[in-house]
C-alpha atoms as a PDB file:
ATOM      1  CA  UNK A   1      75.277  87.105  92.959  1.00  0.00           C
ATOM      2  CA  UNK A   2      75.583  90.938  92.682  1.00  0.00           C
ATOM      3  CA  UNK A   3      77.207  92.758  89.756  1.00  0.00           C
ATOM      4  CA  UNK A   4      80.521  93.304  91.551  1.00  0.00           C
ATOM      5  CA  UNK A   5      80.798  89.657  92.578  1.00  0.00           C
ATOM      6  CA  UNK A   6      79.826  88.528  89.087  1.00  0.00           C
ATOM      7  CA  UNK A   7      82.567  90.561  87.434  1.00  0.00           C
ATOM      8  CA  UNK A   8      85.169  89.372  89.912  1.00  0.00           C
ATOM      9  CA  UNK A   9      84.096  85.780  89.338  1.00  0.00           C
ATOM     10  CA  UNK A  10      84.525  86.232  85.592  1.00  0.00           C
ATOM     11  CA  UNK A  11      87.847  87.971  86.156  1.00  0.00           C
ATOM     12  CA  UNK A  12      89.203  85.116  88.222  1.00  0.00           C
ATOM     13  CA  UNK A  13      88.043  82.628  85.616  1.00  0.00           C
ATOM     14  CA  UNK A  14      89.754  84.609  82.873  1.00  0.00           C
ATOM     15  CA  UNK A  15      92.989  84.809  84.840  1.00  0.00           C
ATOM     16  CA  UNK A  16      92.887  81.072  85.428  1.00  0.00           C
ATOM     17  CA  UNK A  17      92.539  80.608  81.699  1.00  0.00           C
ATOM     18  CA  UNK A  18      95.575  82.805  81.106  1.00  0.00           C
ATOM     19  CA  UNK A  19      93.655  85.797  79.676  1.00  0.00           C
ATOM     20  CA  UNK A  20      95.505  88.501  81.633  1.00  0.00           C
ATOM     21  CA  UNK A  21      94.315  91.443  79.516  1.00  0.00           C
ATOM     22  CA  UNK A  22      90.662  90.423  79.851  1.00  0.00           C
ATOM     23  CA  UNK A  23      91.188  89.847  83.568  1.00  0.00           C
ATOM     24  CA  UNK A  24      92.588  93.341  84.098  1.00  0.00           C
ATOM     25  CA  UNK A  25      89.820  94.780  81.935  1.00  0.00           C
ATOM     26  CA  UNK A  26      87.178  93.121  84.082  1.00  0.00           C
ATOM     27  CA  UNK A  27      88.765  94.516  87.242  1.00  0.00           C
ATOM     28  CA  UNK A  28      88.856  98.010  85.757  1.00  0.00           C
ATOM     29  CA  UNK A  29      85.106  97.805  85.233  1.00  0.00           C
ATOM     30  CA  UNK A  30      84.709  97.704  89.014  1.00  0.00           C
ATOM     31  CA  UNK A  31      87.270 100.453  89.603  1.00  0.00           C
ATOM     32  CA  UNK A  32      90.374  98.342  90.252  1.00  0.00           C
ATOM     33  CA  UNK A  33      93.082  99.725  87.956  1.00  0.00           C
ATOM     34  CA  UNK A  34      96.482  98.271  87.061  1.00  0.00           C
ATOM     35  CA  UNK A  35      98.424 100.878  89.032  1.00  0.00           C
ATOM     36  CA  UNK A  36      96.484 100.037  92.184  1.00  0.00           C
ATOM     37  CA  UNK A  37      96.801  96.331  91.480  1.00  0.00           C
ATOM     38  CA  UNK A  38     100.567  96.661  90.997  1.00  0.00           C
ATOM     39  CA  UNK A  39     100.909  98.307  94.404  1.00  0.00           C
ATOM     40  CA  UNK A  40      98.798  95.575  96.001  1.00  0.00           C
ATOM     41  CA  UNK A  41     100.915  92.857  94.405  1.00  0.00           C
ATOM     42  CA  UNK A  42     104.190  94.506  95.407  1.00  0.00           C
ATOM     43  CA  UNK A  43     102.890  94.675  98.978  1.00  0.00           C
ATOM     44  CA  UNK A  44     101.987  90.968  98.802  1.00  0.00           C
ATOM     45  CA  UNK A  45     105.433  90.107  97.410  1.00  0.00           C
ATOM     46  CA  UNK A  46     107.071  92.169 100.147  1.00  0.00           C
ATOM     47  CA  UNK A  47     105.045  90.317 102.779  1.00  0.00           C
ATOM     48  CA  UNK A  48     105.955  86.926 101.293  1.00  0.00           C
ATOM     49  CA  UNK A  49     109.653  87.825 101.388  1.00  0.00           C
ATOM     50  CA  UNK A  50     109.355  88.871 105.029  1.00  0.00           C
ATOM     51  CA  UNK A  51     107.755  85.512 105.812  1.00  0.00           C
ATOM     52  CA  UNK A  52     110.339  83.594 103.792  1.00  0.00           C
ATOM     53  CA  UNK A  53     113.169  85.427 105.537  1.00  0.00           C
ATOM     54  CA  UNK A  54     111.820  84.355 108.922  1.00  0.00           C
ATOM     55  CA  UNK A  55     111.441  80.748 107.768  1.00  0.00           C
ATOM     56  CA  UNK A  56     115.017  80.557 106.486  1.00  0.00           C
ATOM     57  CA  UNK A  57     116.318  82.072 109.728  1.00  0.00           C
ATOM     58  CA  UNK A  58     114.314  79.486 111.698  1.00  0.00           C
ATOM     59  CA  UNK A  59     115.636  76.690 109.473  1.00  0.00           C
ATOM     60  CA  UNK A  60     119.203  77.829 110.129  1.00  0.00           C
ATOM     61  CA  UNK A  61     118.551  77.720 113.871  1.00  0.00           C
ATOM     62  CA  UNK A  62     117.060  74.236 113.501  1.00  0.00           C
ATOM     63  CA  UNK A  63     120.166  73.089 111.622  1.00  0.00           C
ATOM     64  CA  UNK A  64     122.466  74.554 114.259  1.00  0.00           C
ATOM     65  CA  UNK A  65     120.462  72.803 116.967  1.00  0.00           C
ATOM     66  CA  UNK A  66     120.575  69.499 115.081  1.00  0.00           C
ATOM     67  CA  UNK A  67     124.353  69.375 114.733  1.00  0.00           C
ATOM     68  CA  UNK A  68     124.754  70.176 118.434  1.00  0.00           C
ATOM     69  CA  UNK A  69     122.302  67.564 119.698  1.00  0.00           C
ATOM     70  CA  UNK A  70     123.133  64.585 121.876  1.00  0.00           C
ATOM     71  CA  UNK A  71     121.902  61.088 120.987  1.00  0.00           C
ATOM     72  CA  UNK A  72     118.457  60.982 122.591  1.00  0.00           C
ATOM     73  CA  UNK A  73     117.279  64.216 120.986  1.00  0.00           C
ATOM     74  CA  UNK A  74     118.478  63.407 117.483  1.00  0.00           C
ATOM     75  CA  UNK A  75     115.231  62.174 115.959  1.00  0.00           C
ATOM     76  CA  UNK A  76     113.239  65.031 117.463  1.00  0.00           C
ATOM     77  CA  UNK A  77     115.703  67.597 116.103  1.00  0.00           C
ATOM     78  CA  UNK A  78     115.675  65.922 112.705  1.00  0.00           C
ATOM     79  CA  UNK A  79     111.875  66.108 112.554  1.00  0.00           C
ATOM     80  CA  UNK A  80     112.005  69.806 113.367  1.00  0.00           C
ATOM     81  CA  UNK A  81     114.672  70.467 110.731  1.00  0.00           C
ATOM     82  CA  UNK A  82     112.661  68.545 108.140  1.00  0.00           C
ATOM     83  CA  UNK A  83     109.571  70.576 108.999  1.00  0.00           C
ATOM     84  CA  UNK A  84     111.481  73.843 108.716  1.00  0.00           C
ATOM     85  CA  UNK A  85     112.886  72.796 105.342  1.00  0.00           C
ATOM     86  CA  UNK A  86     109.387  72.029 104.030  1.00  0.00           C
ATOM     87  CA  UNK A  87     108.146  75.384 105.330  1.00  0.00           C
ATOM     88  CA  UNK A  88     111.018  77.102 103.512  1.00  0.00           C
ATOM     89  CA  UNK A  89     110.035  75.353 100.292  1.00  0.00           C
ATOM     90  CA  UNK A  90     106.464  76.589 100.679  1.00  0.00           C
ATOM     91  CA  UNK A  91     107.559  80.162 101.412  1.00  0.00           C
ATOM     92  CA  UNK A  92     109.979  80.142  98.487  1.00  0.00           C
ATOM     93  CA  UNK A  93     107.200  79.027  96.142  1.00  0.00           C
ATOM     94  CA  UNK A  94     104.976  81.821  97.457  1.00  0.00           C
ATOM     95  CA  UNK A  95     107.749  84.351  96.793  1.00  0.00           C
ATOM     96  CA  UNK A  96     108.153  83.081  93.218  1.00  0.00           C
ATOM     97  CA  UNK A  97     104.417  83.212  92.569  1.00  0.00           C
ATOM     98  CA  UNK A  98     104.054  86.727  93.902  1.00  0.00           C
ATOM     99  CA  UNK A  99     107.032  88.054  91.978  1.00  0.00           C
ATOM    100  CA  UNK A 100     105.546  86.545  88.817  1.00  0.00           C
ATOM    101  CA  UNK A 101     102.236  88.284  89.612  1.00  0.00           C
ATOM    102  CA  UNK A 102     104.046  91.614  90.025  1.00  0.00           C
ATOM    103  CA  UNK A 103     105.824  91.154  86.686  1.00  0.00           C
ATOM    104  CA  UNK A 104     102.593  90.277  84.902  1.00  0.00           C
ATOM    105  CA  UNK A 105     100.631  93.356  85.973  1.00  0.00           C
ATOM    106  CA  UNK A 106     103.653  95.660  85.561  1.00  0.00           C
ATOM    107  CA  UNK A 107     104.159  94.522  81.978  1.00  0.00           C
ATOM    108  CA  UNK A 108     100.489  95.138  81.228  1.00  0.00           C
ATOM    109  CA  UNK A 109     100.510  98.557  82.929  1.00  0.00           C
ATOM    110  CA  UNK A 110     103.594  99.819  81.103  1.00  0.00           C
ATOM    111  CA  UNK A 111     102.384  98.523  77.751  1.00  0.00           C
ATOM    112  CA  UNK A 112      99.039 100.279  78.159  1.00  0.00           C
ATOM    113  CA  UNK A 113     100.657 103.471  79.470  1.00  0.00           C
ATOM    114  CA  UNK A 114     103.039 103.686  76.514  1.00  0.00           C
ATOM    115  CA  UNK A 115     100.333 102.913  73.943  1.00  0.00           C
ATOM    116  CA  UNK A 116      98.160 105.730  75.298  1.00  0.00           C
ATOM    117  CA  UNK A 117     100.840 108.424  74.999  1.00  0.00           C
ATOM    118  CA  UNK A 118      99.754 109.082  71.406  1.00  0.00           C
ATOM    119  CA  UNK A 119      96.200 109.741  72.564  1.00  0.00           C
ATOM    120  CA  UNK A 120      97.123 113.120  74.074  1.00  0.00           C
ATOM    121  CA  UNK A 121      96.157 116.225  72.126  1.00  0.00           C
ATOM    122  CA  UNK A 122      98.433 118.433  74.247  1.00  0.00           C
ATOM    123  CA  UNK A 123     102.174 117.935  73.851  1.00  0.00           C
ATOM    124  CA  UNK A 124     103.002 119.187  77.336  1.00  0.00           C
ATOM    125  CA  UNK A 125     100.755 116.600  78.994  1.00  0.00           C
ATOM    126  CA  UNK A 126     102.097 113.853  76.769  1.00  0.00           C
ATOM    127  CA  UNK A 127     105.690 114.784  77.643  1.00  0.00           C
ATOM    128  CA  UNK A 128     104.849 114.908  81.370  1.00  0.00           C
ATOM    129  CA  UNK A 129     103.229 111.486  81.195  1.00  0.00           C
ATOM    130  CA  UNK A 130     106.166 110.087  79.217  1.00  0.00           C
ATOM    131  CA  UNK A 131     108.603 111.424  81.812  1.00  0.00           C
ATOM    132  CA  UNK A 132     106.581 109.867  84.606  1.00  0.00           C
ATOM    133  CA  UNK A 133     106.473 106.561  82.722  1.00  0.00           C
ATOM    134  CA  UNK A 134     110.278 106.505  82.351  1.00  0.00           C
ATOM    135  CA  UNK A 135     110.739 107.325  86.039  1.00  0.00           C
ATOM    136  CA  UNK A 136     108.267 104.637  87.142  1.00  0.00           C
ATOM    137  CA  UNK A 137     109.981 102.085  84.897  1.00  0.00           C
ATOM    138  CA  UNK A 138     113.376 102.923  86.452  1.00  0.00           C
ATOM    139  CA  UNK A 139     111.965 102.559  89.949  1.00  0.00           C
ATOM    140  CA  UNK A 140     110.252  99.306  89.002  1.00  0.00           C
ATOM    141  CA  UNK A 141     113.459  97.992  87.439  1.00  0.00           C
ATOM    142  CA  UNK A 142     115.345  98.531  90.718  1.00  0.00           C
ATOM    143  CA  UNK A 143     112.554  96.792  92.596  1.00  0.00           C
ATOM    144  CA  UNK A 144     112.211  93.730  90.376  1.00  0.00           C
ATOM    145  CA  UNK A 145     115.993  93.306  90.102  1.00  0.00           C
ATOM    146  CA  UNK A 146     116.247  93.271  93.904  1.00  0.00           C
ATOM    147  CA  UNK A 147     113.381  90.805  94.191  1.00  0.00           C
ATOM    148  CA  UNK A 148     114.757  88.415  91.583  1.00  0.00           C
ATOM    149  CA  UNK A 149     118.257  88.544  93.127  1.00  0.00           C
ATOM    150  CA  UNK A 150     116.770  87.533  96.459  1.00  0.00           C
ATOM    151  CA  UNK A 151     114.685  84.860  94.754  1.00  0.00           C
ATOM    152  CA  UNK A 152     117.793  83.398  93.098  1.00  0.00           C
ATOM    153  CA  UNK A 153     119.575  83.205  96.460  1.00  0.00           C
ATOM    154  CA  UNK A 154     116.862  80.928  97.851  1.00  0.00           C
ATOM    155  CA  UNK A 155     117.662  77.971  95.611  1.00  0.00           C
ATOM    156  CA  UNK A 156     121.236  77.276  96.843  1.00  0.00           C
ATOM    157  CA  UNK A 157     120.064  77.459 100.460  1.00  0.00           C
ATOM    158  CA  UNK A 158     117.099  75.172  99.773  1.00  0.00           C
ATOM    159  CA  UNK A 159     119.409  72.733  97.988  1.00  0.00           C
ATOM    160  CA  UNK A 160     121.811  72.682 100.931  1.00  0.00           C
ATOM    161  CA  UNK A 161     119.031  72.174 103.472  1.00  0.00           C
ATOM    162  CA  UNK A 162     117.449  69.495 101.284  1.00  0.00           C
ATOM    163  CA  UNK A 163     120.723  67.574 101.018  1.00  0.00           C
ATOM    164  CA  UNK A 164     121.240  67.692 104.766  1.00  0.00           C
ATOM    165  CA  UNK A 165     117.693  66.567 105.548  1.00  0.00           C
ATOM    166  CA  UNK A 166     117.989  63.689 103.083  1.00  0.00           C
ATOM    167  CA  UNK A 167     121.401  62.679 104.452  1.00  0.00           C
ATOM    168  CA  UNK A 168     120.114  62.652 108.022  1.00  0.00           C
ATOM    169  CA  UNK A 169     117.042  60.670 107.018  1.00  0.00           C
ATOM    170  CA  UNK A 170     119.251  57.715 106.111  1.00  0.00           C
ATOM    171  CA  UNK A 171     122.063  58.372 108.580  1.00  0.00           C
ATOM    172  CA  UNK A 172     120.401  59.332 111.834  1.00  0.00           C
ATOM    173  CA  UNK A 173     123.376  58.764 114.126  1.00  0.00           C
ATOM    174  CA  UNK A 174     126.099  60.637 115.985  1.00  0.00           C
ATOM    175  CA  UNK A 175     128.691  60.041 113.239  1.00  0.00           C
ATOM    176  CA  UNK A 176     126.429  61.627 110.636  1.00  0.00           C
ATOM    177  CA  UNK A 177     125.827  64.623 112.883  1.00  0.00           C
ATOM    178  CA  UNK A 178     129.567  65.057 113.380  1.00  0.00           C
ATOM    179  CA  UNK A 179     130.114  65.032 109.612  1.00  0.00           C
ATOM    180  CA  UNK A 180     127.636  67.894 109.192  1.00  0.00           C
ATOM    181  CA  UNK A 181     129.224  70.200 111.744  1.00  0.00           C
ATOM    182  CA  UNK A 182     131.659  71.457 109.130  1.00  0.00           C
ATOM    183  CA  UNK A 183     128.692  72.535 107.001  1.00  0.00           C
ATOM    184  CA  UNK A 184     127.390  75.049 109.536  1.00  0.00           C
ATOM    185  CA  UNK A 185     129.701  77.884 108.478  1.00  0.00           C
ATOM    186  CA  UNK A 186     128.820  77.454 104.802  1.00  0.00           C
ATOM    187  CA  UNK A 187     125.098  77.372 105.516  1.00  0.00           C
ATOM    188  CA  UNK A 188     125.362  80.411 107.778  1.00  0.00           C
ATOM    189  CA  UNK A 189     127.169  82.314 105.029  1.00  0.00           C
ATOM    190  CA  UNK A 190     124.586  81.382 102.397  1.00  0.00           C
ATOM    191  CA  UNK A 191     121.653  82.250 104.640  1.00  0.00           C
ATOM    192  CA  UNK A 192     123.263  85.575 105.585  1.00  0.00           C
ATOM    193  CA  UNK A 193     123.686  86.443 101.894  1.00  0.00           C
ATOM    194  CA  UNK A 194     120.054  85.490 101.270  1.00  0.00           C
ATOM    195  CA  UNK A 195     118.814  87.598 104.184  1.00  0.00           C
ATOM    196  CA  UNK A 196     120.825  90.604 102.954  1.00  0.00           C
ATOM    197  CA  UNK A 197     119.271  90.328  99.484  1.00  0.00           C
ATOM    198  CA  UNK A 198     115.806  89.892 100.971  1.00  0.00           C
ATOM    199  CA  UNK A 199     116.235  92.949 103.177  1.00  0.00           C
ATOM    200  CA  UNK A 200     117.292  94.956 100.123  1.00  0.00           C
ATOM    201  CA  UNK A 201     114.259  93.738  98.178  1.00  0.00           C
ATOM    202  CA  UNK A 202     111.935  94.530 101.090  1.00  0.00           C
ATOM    203  CA  UNK A 203     113.362  98.051 101.331  1.00  0.00           C
ATOM    204  CA  UNK A 204     113.044  98.567  97.558  1.00  0.00           C
ATOM    205  CA  UNK A 205     109.427  97.431  97.763  1.00  0.00           C
ATOM    206  CA  UNK A 206     108.755  99.946 100.533  1.00  0.00           C
ATOM    207  CA  UNK A 207     110.281 102.743  98.462  1.00  0.00           C
ATOM    208  CA  UNK A 208     108.377 101.747  95.331  1.00  0.00           C
ATOM    209  CA  UNK A 209     105.054 101.515  97.169  1.00  0.00           C
ATOM    210  CA  UNK A 210     105.601 104.931  98.732  1.00  0.00           C
ATOM    211  CA  UNK A 211     106.433 106.528  95.387  1.00  0.00           C
ATOM    212  CA  UNK A 212     103.465 104.916  93.627  1.00  0.00           C
ATOM    213  CA  UNK A 213     101.066 106.150  96.302  1.00  0.00           C
ATOM    214  CA  UNK A 214     102.289 109.775  96.148  1.00  0.00           C
END
């Protein structure tokens, strides 16, 4: 195992043990700094939200198709809806994990940045760095607020889909389907609100990434 691989192996082990500061320190030894890591994690969170958005849109289409189905297709449509719901759960968990990863490295970056302001011997450079820190924090705050708003919108939609899948599991008949037709408008509204929040978060991520790379 070469030196680079060895350090990364140790870094992963430290992260698994919950030693975030030691993990980031190990990465910095191989030239991977917190700022770069934050950008990478924001990009990953943005990608996970794109994927989740597509899954929720597909699940909505599966629900629409289920409530419109005629007898013979019912079980097939139910299986598809159940599969889409499970995919949504997986995507939602990925979004949560990646947002948490963004928050972790951002907290470490800002803490280190602020602690190092007193290390400057020149006041003008310290003030410039302090100004940049405040600006980056504002931009990050907009980003993480957008991401967490979108994250919060996932739970009501998942709950609604979960209830419908469970109901159909034990009531796979035309009467049950008819009773769910009134739910379509509510689900469409909730999914639309979720998609709007996700689009906002995706756009904020794009802006933040662009600003961090300049």
